[in-house]
C-alpha atoms as a PDB file:
ATOM      1  CA  UNK A   1       7.059 -18.259   8.926  1.00  0.00           C
ATOM      2  CA  UNK A   2       8.260 -18.118  12.497  1.00  0.00           C
ATOM      3  CA  UNK A   3       7.103 -15.104  14.502  1.00  0.00           C
ATOM      4  CA  UNK A   4      10.720 -14.383  15.429  1.00  0.00           C
ATOM      5  CA  UNK A   5      11.648 -14.092  11.751  1.00  0.00           C
ATOM      6  CA  UNK A   6       8.656 -11.837  11.193  1.00  0.00           C
ATOM      7  CA  UNK A   7       9.730  -9.492  13.977  1.00  0.00           C
ATOM      8  CA  UNK A   8      13.448  -9.526  13.187  1.00  0.00           C
ATOM      9  CA  UNK A   9      13.348  -9.365   9.389  1.00  0.00           C
ATOM     10  CA  UNK A  10       9.946  -8.380   8.027  1.00  0.00           C
ATOM     11  CA  UNK A  11       9.150  -5.448  10.309  1.00  0.00           C
ATOM     12  CA  UNK A  12      12.581  -3.725   9.988  1.00  0.00           C
ATOM     13  CA  UNK A  13      12.431  -4.080   6.189  1.00  0.00           C
ATOM     14  CA  UNK A  14       8.873  -2.747   6.272  1.00  0.00           C
ATOM     15  CA  UNK A  15      10.045   0.389   8.087  1.00  0.00           C
ATOM     16  CA  UNK A  16      12.966   0.875   5.689  1.00  0.00           C
ATOM     17  CA  UNK A  17      10.607   0.443   2.718  1.00  0.00           C
ATOM     18  CA  UNK A  18       8.369   3.250   4.016  1.00  0.00           C
ATOM     19  CA  UNK A  19      11.388   5.543   4.338  1.00  0.00           C
ATOM     20  CA  UNK A  20      12.509   4.708   0.796  1.00  0.00           C
ATOM     21  CA  UNK A  21       8.982   5.323  -0.482  1.00  0.00           C
ATOM     22  CA  UNK A  22       9.110   8.779   1.138  1.00  0.00           C
ATOM     23  CA  UNK A  23      12.460   9.415  -0.574  1.00  0.00           C
ATOM     24  CA  UNK A  24      10.915   8.390  -3.897  1.00  0.00           C
ATOM     25  CA  UNK A  25       8.100  10.886  -3.396  1.00  0.00           C
ATOM     26  CA  UNK A  26      10.582  13.668  -2.601  1.00  0.00           C
ATOM     27  CA  UNK A  27      12.708  12.715  -5.619  1.00  0.00           C
ATOM     28  CA  UNK A  28       9.658  13.308  -7.840  1.00  0.00           C
ATOM     29  CA  UNK A  29      10.342  17.056  -7.541  1.00  0.00           C
ATOM     30  CA  UNK A  30      13.381  16.514  -9.765  1.00  0.00           C
ATOM     31  CA  UNK A  31      11.503  14.134 -12.084  1.00  0.00           C
ATOM     32  CA  UNK A  32       8.710  16.304 -13.463  1.00  0.00           C
ATOM     33  CA  UNK A  33       7.714  13.666 -16.053  1.00  0.00           C
ATOM     34  CA  UNK A  34       6.093  11.720 -13.171  1.00  0.00           C
ATOM     35  CA  UNK A  35       3.347  14.347 -13.152  1.00  0.00           C
ATOM     36  CA  UNK A  36       2.495  13.837 -16.832  1.00  0.00           C
ATOM     37  CA  UNK A  37       0.058  11.172 -17.997  1.00  0.00           C
ATOM     38  CA  UNK A  38       2.653   9.432 -20.172  1.00  0.00           C
ATOM     39  CA  UNK A  39       5.352   9.625 -17.507  1.00  0.00           C
ATOM     40  CA  UNK A  40       3.090   8.266 -14.780  1.00  0.00           C
ATOM     41  CA  UNK A  41       2.006   5.415 -17.071  1.00  0.00           C
ATOM     42  CA  UNK A  42       5.648   4.429 -17.672  1.00  0.00           C
ATOM     43  CA  UNK A  43       6.433   4.520 -13.946  1.00  0.00           C
ATOM     44  CA  UNK A  44       3.350   2.411 -13.137  1.00  0.00           C
ATOM     45  CA  UNK A  45       4.486  -0.213 -15.667  1.00  0.00           C
ATOM     46  CA  UNK A  46       7.945  -0.169 -14.069  1.00  0.00           C
ATOM     47  CA  UNK A  47       6.305  -0.651 -10.686  1.00  0.00           C
ATOM     48  CA  UNK A  48       4.503  -3.796 -11.879  1.00  0.00           C
ATOM     49  CA  UNK A  49       7.694  -5.158 -13.472  1.00  0.00           C
ATOM     50  CA  UNK A  50       9.608  -4.674 -10.227  1.00  0.00           C
ATOM     51  CA  UNK A  51       6.792  -6.314  -8.271  1.00  0.00           C
ATOM     52  CA  UNK A  52       6.900  -9.400 -10.508  1.00  0.00           C
ATOM     53  CA  UNK A  53      10.702  -9.565 -10.343  1.00  0.00           C
ATOM     54  CA  UNK A  54      10.553  -9.224  -6.564  1.00  0.00           C
ATOM     55  CA  UNK A  55       8.286 -12.248  -6.335  1.00  0.00           C
ATOM     56  CA  UNK A  56      10.451 -14.280  -8.713  1.00  0.00           C
ATOM     57  CA  UNK A  57      13.654 -13.383  -6.837  1.00  0.00           C
ATOM     58  CA  UNK A  58      12.227 -13.461  -3.304  1.00  0.00           C
ATOM     59  CA  UNK A  59      14.800 -16.030  -2.106  1.00  0.00           C
ATOM     60  CA  UNK A  60      17.783 -14.749  -4.078  1.00  0.00           C
ATOM     61  CA  UNK A  61      20.131 -12.767  -1.836  1.00  0.00           C
ATOM     62  CA  UNK A  62      20.849  -9.855  -2.166  1.00  0.00           C
ATOM     63  CA  UNK A  63      18.532  -9.289  -5.156  1.00  0.00           C
ATOM     64  CA  UNK A  64      15.404  -9.782  -3.057  1.00  0.00           C
ATOM     65  CA  UNK A  65      16.290  -6.756  -0.895  1.00  0.00           C
ATOM     66  CA  UNK A  66      17.518  -4.667  -3.828  1.00  0.00           C
ATOM     67  CA  UNK A  67      14.288  -5.255  -5.772  1.00  0.00           C
ATOM     68  CA  UNK A  68      12.200  -4.581  -2.651  1.00  0.00           C
ATOM     69  CA  UNK A  69      13.866  -1.205  -2.143  1.00  0.00           C
ATOM     70  CA  UNK A  70      13.623  -0.304  -5.848  1.00  0.00           C
ATOM     71  CA  UNK A  71       9.936  -1.214  -5.763  1.00  0.00           C
ATOM     72  CA  UNK A  72       9.386   0.969  -2.690  1.00  0.00           C
ATOM     73  CA  UNK A  73      11.187   3.886  -4.381  1.00  0.00           C
ATOM     74  CA  UNK A  74       9.082   3.596  -7.542  1.00  0.00           C
ATOM     75  CA  UNK A  75       5.827   3.394  -5.547  1.00  0.00           C
ATOM     76  CA  UNK A  76       6.937   6.673  -3.990  1.00  0.00           C
ATOM     77  CA  UNK A  77       7.104   8.147  -7.492  1.00  0.00           C
ATOM     78  CA  UNK A  78       3.671   6.828  -8.489  1.00  0.00           C
ATOM     79  CA  UNK A  79       2.157   8.101  -5.231  1.00  0.00           C
ATOM     80  CA  UNK A  80       3.827  11.504  -5.507  1.00  0.00           C
ATOM     81  CA  UNK A  81       0.930  13.320  -7.277  1.00  0.00           C
ATOM     82  CA  UNK A  82      -1.538  12.789  -4.421  1.00  0.00           C
ATOM     83  CA  UNK A  83       1.155  13.451  -1.798  1.00  0.00           C
ATOM     84  CA  UNK A  84       2.143  16.736  -3.465  1.00  0.00           C
ATOM     85  CA  UNK A  85      -1.523  17.732  -3.804  1.00  0.00           C
ATOM     86  CA  UNK A  86      -2.176  17.036  -0.125  1.00  0.00           C
ATOM     87  CA  UNK A  87       0.957  18.933   0.913  1.00  0.00           C
ATOM     88  CA  UNK A  88      -0.057  21.963  -1.170  1.00  0.00           C
ATOM     89  CA  UNK A  89      -3.539  22.046   0.417  1.00  0.00           C
ATOM     90  CA  UNK A  90      -2.609  21.250   4.004  1.00  0.00           C
ATOM     91  CA  UNK A  91       0.614  19.444   5.073  1.00  0.00           C
ATOM     92  CA  UNK A  92      -1.142  18.264   8.230  1.00  0.00           C
ATOM     93  CA  UNK A  93      -3.322  15.979   6.103  1.00  0.00           C
ATOM     94  CA  UNK A  94      -0.294  13.799   5.324  1.00  0.00           C
ATOM     95  CA  UNK A  95       0.579  13.513   9.003  1.00  0.00           C
ATOM     96  CA  UNK A  96      -3.022  12.759   9.989  1.00  0.00           C
ATOM     97  CA  UNK A  97      -3.387  10.107   7.269  1.00  0.00           C
ATOM     98  CA  UNK A  98      -0.093   8.469   8.275  1.00  0.00           C
ATOM     99  CA  UNK A  99      -0.996   8.361  11.969  1.00  0.00           C
ATOM    100  CA  UNK A 100      -4.477   6.933  11.314  1.00  0.00           C
ATOM    101  CA  UNK A 101      -3.052   4.328   8.918  1.00  0.00           C
ATOM    102  CA  UNK A 102      -0.321   3.355  11.396  1.00  0.00           C
ATOM    103  CA  UNK A 103      -2.811   2.886  14.238  1.00  0.00           C
ATOM    104  CA  UNK A 104      -5.051   0.651  12.111  1.00  0.00           C
ATOM    105  CA  UNK A 105      -2.146  -1.262  10.584  1.00  0.00           C
ATOM    106  CA  UNK A 106      -0.131  -2.046  13.704  1.00  0.00           C
ATOM    107  CA  UNK A 107      -3.256  -2.842  15.736  1.00  0.00           C
ATOM    108  CA  UNK A 108      -4.233  -5.530  13.206  1.00  0.00           C
ATOM    109  CA  UNK A 109      -0.667  -6.844  12.877  1.00  0.00           C
ATOM    110  CA  UNK A 110      -0.367  -7.222  16.657  1.00  0.00           C
ATOM    111  CA  UNK A 111      -3.805  -8.825  16.816  1.00  0.00           C
ATOM    112  CA  UNK A 112      -2.793 -11.306  14.109  1.00  0.00           C
ATOM    113  CA  UNK A 113       0.371 -12.202  16.006  1.00  0.00           C
ATOM    114  CA  UNK A 114      -1.548 -12.910  19.206  1.00  0.00           C
ATOM    115  CA  UNK A 115      -4.735 -14.545  17.927  1.00  0.00           C
ATOM    116  CA  UNK A 116      -5.032 -18.145  16.793  1.00  0.00           C
ATOM    117  CA  UNK A 117      -7.742 -17.255  14.263  1.00  0.00           C
ATOM    118  CA  UNK A 118      -7.078 -18.024  10.615  1.00  0.00           C
ATOM    119  CA  UNK A 119      -8.285 -15.368   8.146  1.00  0.00           C
ATOM    120  CA  UNK A 120      -7.129 -17.034   4.929  1.00  0.00           C
ATOM    121  CA  UNK A 121     -10.747 -17.811   3.994  1.00  0.00           C
ATOM    122  CA  UNK A 122     -11.317 -14.065   3.477  1.00  0.00           C
ATOM    123  CA  UNK A 123      -9.075 -13.998   0.392  1.00  0.00           C
ATOM    124  CA  UNK A 124     -11.632 -14.741  -2.324  1.00  0.00           C
ATOM    125  CA  UNK A 125     -14.263 -12.443  -0.801  1.00  0.00           C
ATOM    126  CA  UNK A 126     -11.832  -9.525  -0.439  1.00  0.00           C
ATOM    127  CA  UNK A 127     -10.510  -9.981  -3.983  1.00  0.00           C
ATOM    128  CA  UNK A 128     -14.053  -9.977  -5.409  1.00  0.00           C
ATOM    129  CA  UNK A 129     -14.885  -6.813  -3.466  1.00  0.00           C
ATOM    130  CA  UNK A 130     -11.681  -5.158  -4.670  1.00  0.00           C
ATOM    131  CA  UNK A 131     -12.490  -5.917  -8.319  1.00  0.00           C
ATOM    132  CA  UNK A 132     -15.967  -4.445  -7.867  1.00  0.00           C
ATOM    133  CA  UNK A 133     -14.571  -1.263  -6.290  1.00  0.00           C
ATOM    134  CA  UNK A 134     -11.980  -0.892  -9.079  1.00  0.00           C
ATOM    135  CA  UNK A 135     -14.751  -1.075 -11.687  1.00  0.00           C
ATOM    136  CA  UNK A 136     -16.868   1.356  -9.643  1.00  0.00           C
ATOM    137  CA  UNK A 137     -13.897   3.738  -9.364  1.00  0.00           C
ATOM    138  CA  UNK A 138     -13.395   3.719 -13.153  1.00  0.00           C
ATOM    139  CA  UNK A 139     -17.095   4.441 -13.677  1.00  0.00           C
ATOM    140  CA  UNK A 140     -16.934   7.254 -11.123  1.00  0.00           C
ATOM    141  CA  UNK A 141     -13.851   8.852 -12.719  1.00  0.00           C
ATOM    142  CA  UNK A 142     -15.131   8.815 -16.299  1.00  0.00           C
ATOM    143  CA  UNK A 143     -18.905   9.065 -15.947  1.00  0.00           C
ATOM    144  CA  UNK A 144     -20.187  10.041 -12.508  1.00  0.00           C
ATOM    145  CA  UNK A 145     -17.567  12.217 -10.777  1.00  0.00           C
ATOM    146  CA  UNK A 146     -19.765  12.232  -7.698  1.00  0.00           C
ATOM    147  CA  UNK A 147     -18.005  13.361  -4.518  1.00  0.00           C
ATOM    148  CA  UNK A 148     -20.279  11.457  -2.122  1.00  0.00           C
ATOM    149  CA  UNK A 149     -19.906   8.286  -4.188  1.00  0.00           C
ATOM    150  CA  UNK A 150     -16.104   8.757  -4.204  1.00  0.00           C
ATOM    151  CA  UNK A 151     -16.052   9.176  -0.422  1.00  0.00           C
ATOM    152  CA  UNK A 152     -18.039   5.961  -0.079  1.00  0.00           C
ATOM    153  CA  UNK A 153     -15.588   4.122  -2.339  1.00  0.00           C
ATOM    154  CA  UNK A 154     -12.665   5.374  -0.261  1.00  0.00           C
ATOM    155  CA  UNK A 155     -14.257   3.956   2.893  1.00  0.00           C
ATOM    156  CA  UNK A 156     -15.004   0.597   1.233  1.00  0.00           C
ATOM    157  CA  UNK A 157     -11.440   0.258  -0.117  1.00  0.00           C
ATOM    158  CA  UNK A 158     -10.019   1.122   3.313  1.00  0.00           C
ATOM    159  CA  UNK A 159     -12.152  -1.628   4.875  1.00  0.00           C
ATOM    160  CA  UNK A 160     -11.061  -4.094   2.174  1.00  0.00           C
ATOM    161  CA  UNK A 161      -7.375  -3.491   2.837  1.00  0.00           C
ATOM    162  CA  UNK A 162      -7.879  -3.664   6.581  1.00  0.00           C
ATOM    163  CA  UNK A 163      -9.249  -7.136   5.888  1.00  0.00           C
ATOM    164  CA  UNK A 164      -6.255  -7.780   3.617  1.00  0.00           C
ATOM    165  CA  UNK A 165      -3.907  -7.164   6.548  1.00  0.00           C
ATOM    166  CA  UNK A 166      -5.594  -9.988   8.481  1.00  0.00           C
ATOM    167  CA  UNK A 167      -5.559 -12.204   5.379  1.00  0.00           C
ATOM    168  CA  UNK A 168      -1.909 -11.508   4.543  1.00  0.00           C
ATOM    169  CA  UNK A 169      -0.802 -11.957   8.153  1.00  0.00           C
ATOM    170  CA  UNK A 170      -2.540 -15.350   8.287  1.00  0.00           C
ATOM    171  CA  UNK A 171      -0.788 -16.408   5.075  1.00  0.00           C
ATOM    172  CA  UNK A 172       2.584 -15.086   6.208  1.00  0.00           C
ATOM    173  CA  UNK A 173       2.465 -16.917   9.546  1.00  0.00           C
ATOM    174  CA  UNK A 174       1.038 -20.162   8.131  1.00  0.00           C
ATOM    175  CA  UNK A 175       2.079 -20.466   4.458  1.00  0.00           C
ATOM    176  CA  UNK A 176       5.305 -18.493   4.037  1.00  0.00           C
ATOM    177  CA  UNK A 177       8.734 -19.991   4.646  1.00  0.00           C
ATOM    178  CA  UNK A 178      11.334 -18.101   6.664  1.00  0.00           C
ATOM    179  CA  UNK A 179      13.167 -17.318   3.391  1.00  0.00           C
ATOM    180  CA  UNK A 180      10.096 -15.480   2.072  1.00  0.00           C
ATOM    181  CA  UNK A 181      10.587 -12.456   4.314  1.00  0.00           C
ATOM    182  CA  UNK A 182      10.857  -9.946   1.447  1.00  0.00           C
ATOM    183  CA  UNK A 183       7.624 -11.265  -0.106  1.00  0.00           C
ATOM    184  CA  UNK A 184       5.951 -10.861   3.291  1.00  0.00           C
ATOM    185  CA  UNK A 185       7.296  -7.316   3.527  1.00  0.00           C
ATOM    186  CA  UNK A 186       5.886  -6.398   0.115  1.00  0.00           C
ATOM    187  CA  UNK A 187       2.447  -7.832   0.957  1.00  0.00           C
ATOM    188  CA  UNK A 188       2.165  -5.759   4.129  1.00  0.00           C
ATOM    189  CA  UNK A 189       3.771  -2.705   2.522  1.00  0.00           C
ATOM    190  CA  UNK A 190       1.133  -2.702  -0.225  1.00  0.00           C
ATOM    191  CA  UNK A 191      -1.648  -3.038   2.363  1.00  0.00           C
ATOM    192  CA  UNK A 192      -0.259  -0.068   4.304  1.00  0.00           C
ATOM    193  CA  UNK A 193       0.284   2.057   1.196  1.00  0.00           C
ATOM    194  CA  UNK A 194      -3.211   1.451  -0.180  1.00  0.00           C
ATOM    195  CA  UNK A 195      -4.840   2.284   3.159  1.00  0.00           C
ATOM    196  CA  UNK A 196      -2.667   5.388   3.523  1.00  0.00           C
ATOM    197  CA  UNK A 197      -3.520   6.690   0.050  1.00  0.00           C
ATOM    198  CA  UNK A 198      -7.251   6.033   0.479  1.00  0.00           C
ATOM    199  CA  UNK A 199      -7.374   7.694   3.900  1.00  0.00           C
ATOM    200  CA  UNK A 200      -5.481  10.648   2.439  1.00  0.00           C
ATOM    201  CA  UNK A 201      -7.901  10.748  -0.491  1.00  0.00           C
ATOM    202  CA  UNK A 202     -10.844  10.664   1.932  1.00  0.00           C
ATOM    203  CA  UNK A 203      -9.382  13.542   3.976  1.00  0.00           C
ATOM    204  CA  UNK A 204      -8.759  15.559   0.807  1.00  0.00           C
ATOM    205  CA  UNK A 205     -12.346  15.091  -0.389  1.00  0.00           C
ATOM    206  CA  UNK A 206     -13.659  15.979   3.056  1.00  0.00           C
ATOM    207  CA  UNK A 207     -11.458  19.103   3.035  1.00  0.00           C
ATOM    208  CA  UNK A 208     -12.930  20.151  -0.311  1.00  0.00           C
ATOM    209  CA  UNK A 209     -16.423  20.099   1.216  1.00  0.00           C
ATOM    210  CA  UNK A 210     -15.496  22.666   3.883  1.00  0.00           C
END
């Protein structure tokens, strides 16, 4: 993908997707079923379906944009529980997490645009680490419930997705066609969202220790 296409198409769509995600989170107030186990499960399934459709239709105008925005809205619904929890404890936590995430994210995106280094070789290593942390998270939730262990997992996942930004940027600039701009947007959007949620989770756990 040309850098001009990245700047002119991917980054504006990325910003719009974040705004739509925020709207989805706010809409959750009128959709109380999102906060039930069954309701959240249904929304998560819908999220995966929209993600798959977005990849399949990534070059089909205007469906690629429509599916991207629907996906962003639904991720706002699935993220709403932690956002609402953070807001109820201290609204400043959301602002702090967003600022920290933005600094990390845009620093690595700008670095990727300027450097000639290729980070595609990190893919397998990062995926293996992510699988390990997912398994560790499940064990922690159901068996350990250890706060220190959870804080450590948050830090590891944040580092993994920081690496994913470099990996995804290398793929976008070297492997993606100019027509794949919505797929590139989704890749970076998911990196941002996962870092944001984990930083917010870390701040919430740290707040509980005070």
